[in-house]
Amino acid sequence: MLRFHCFFLFLCFCVGLQLVCSRHDPYVMRISCGARDDVHTSPTKTLWYKDFAYTGGIPFNGTSPSFIAPQLTTLRYFPLSEGPENCYNIKRVPHGHYSVRIFFGMVVEPSFDNEPLFDVSVEGTLVYTLPSGWSNHDDEQVFVETLIFLDDGTASLCFHSTGHGDPAILAIEILQVDDRAYHFGPDFGKGTIIRTVKRLSCGAQESLFDADYSGDHWGGDRFWSSIKTFGQNSDRRISTKNSTKSTSKAPNFYPGSIYQTALLSTDNEPELTYTVDVDPNKKYSVWLHFAEIDPSVTSAGQRVMDISINGDTVFPDVDIVKMAGGVNSALVLNTTVPISGRTLTITLQPKNGTHAIISAIEIFEVIIAESKTLLDEVRGLQSLKNALGLPLRLGWNGDPCVPQQHPWSGADCQFDKTSNKWVIDGMYVNELTLRYTSFYLYVCLCGRTYGISMGIFKNHLHTPCTCNLQSSSPPQYRFWLISFWTTWPPLCVNFLINHESTQDKYPFPPSQKENGKNGHLCNHFSQLENLAAVKFFIL
């Protein structure tokens, strides 16, 4: 029996050791935009890779208006001549949950607008609009940070001009976090993105990142902005050198140092109140951090508080010592609330005892993720863009249909409820050259194989599409009308994208008499395997 007991303990030890050893380091990607070489920044010797994965833009000398941003000397800016939408498309990102942080910069050139205002989207969802005056703040306004699930192997970060200066990006961070980090309730998951509005370390002397606290890498290297008071004479700062229990645990891995300082209310102002400006008619996830570090409180029942948000009690009878399991132990409370107005106010009101206390506050905006455009249609338009050699000023970067505020120029998008994806219903591109021509884009889908033929036709052609009998799905059809000014003689572009070996055949529309003015024909599809081909013909 003793031998069996020892064997069981040994087995448990081996399993536990395997679990610890099998935990890999999180994926980390940091890009110094505009840099020609890799860069290390002080004091942590953080590695920033040289610039890559951009769709356009111009590298230039740059700076950040805030000490918060990494001390880098270059940036990439996107003048309107490069198009209204430009992106970074980072590939080979492992599936997972990520903190995506984008630092904004200022071009070091007197003739440039010193404070560009533009929109930012992540994976096709608009997450941030730079506010006027952002460059005058040493807080979260100098970057945008989101938590998002990336499950297609890429991270697409796009910047959309709004007519107020050229977007300028100093640096990008993509940091993997725990899959359940900041699980805020039933809406948590791949259908939502949360954006950091505020992250405060109450009573801290200085603002620091997780790395400065020697925090766990799985925490996402969060930035904690110090706040020494909520208002004049309304509170006082307290601190302790005692270590705090129940910190740096999965899934959020909070650094223990944020619980070693706090703000404590006073006899004159027994309540603690914090107010932040927010966008109306949105949901916000609020995370409140506590540790009982006040030496005058030693047992449960000595401090009990009610906590309300905009006047509604969300956490009644909060007893930190009781709920955390003792003094110097961390307690985290979370709730998600809809806000109709433009302010979010957190109030801590003491019930037992005379003072309220708090260690840290995190506030996130909950954003519903946009449905993307059907992948085959995105590939088709990207091939069309390359085939026609469309100018950079047209844009056509990122997703054609989302964010809905910034679709591709000329894209007529419709939402398909069956696939829960956007599809292209039509295209209109206007280029100032010589002759107006209408193009019909003939699309045939057989399984995963995607065929496209574009020619000059007078009428909308509904032509049968023949698929191999072994095809797993019936043929589907889509016709895109593309109208634009083009040079004369017009181009006829015929191309096929074949994603896998197949015997599927795509007959060219037989109504060849419907072709362009001079009756010249476009070549029909060739049977190609594992090939992407583009052919140009002058009529």
Foldseek 3Di string as FASTA:
>chain_A
DVVVVVVVVVVVVVVVVCVVVPDDFWDKAKAFALAPAWDFFPDVRDIHGYDDQKPDFDKAFKAALAPVDTGDGIWTWDDLLLAQKIKRKAFQHAWAKKKKKWFFIAGPDVVFDRDFWWWKDKQQATDDTQDPPLRVDHFCSRMKIKIATDGPGIIIMMIGHPPGGITITRMIMIAGAHRCAPVFDDVDDRQKMKIWPAKEFEQDPAKAWCVVLVFDSNQRRDIHGYDQAQDPLFWGKDFDPDFAPPALDPRNGHRRRLAGMKIKGDLVHQKHKHKDFDDFFFKKKKKFKYAAPPVVDWAWPQWFKFKDKPPHTDDHGDTPQVVQVTGRYMDMDMHMDHGHDGMIMMMIHTDHHRMDMTGMMIMITMGGDAAAADPLQLVVVVVVCVQVVDRSSQPSDRTQCGPVVDHRAFFDWDQDPVVRHIYTQEGEDEDPDDDKFKKKWKWKDFAPWIFIFIFGFDDDDDADFFFDPPTPDDMDIGIYIYIYDDDPPDKGKGWTDGQAAGPGDGFDRPPQCRGDDVSDGDDTDDRDGNDTDMDIDGD
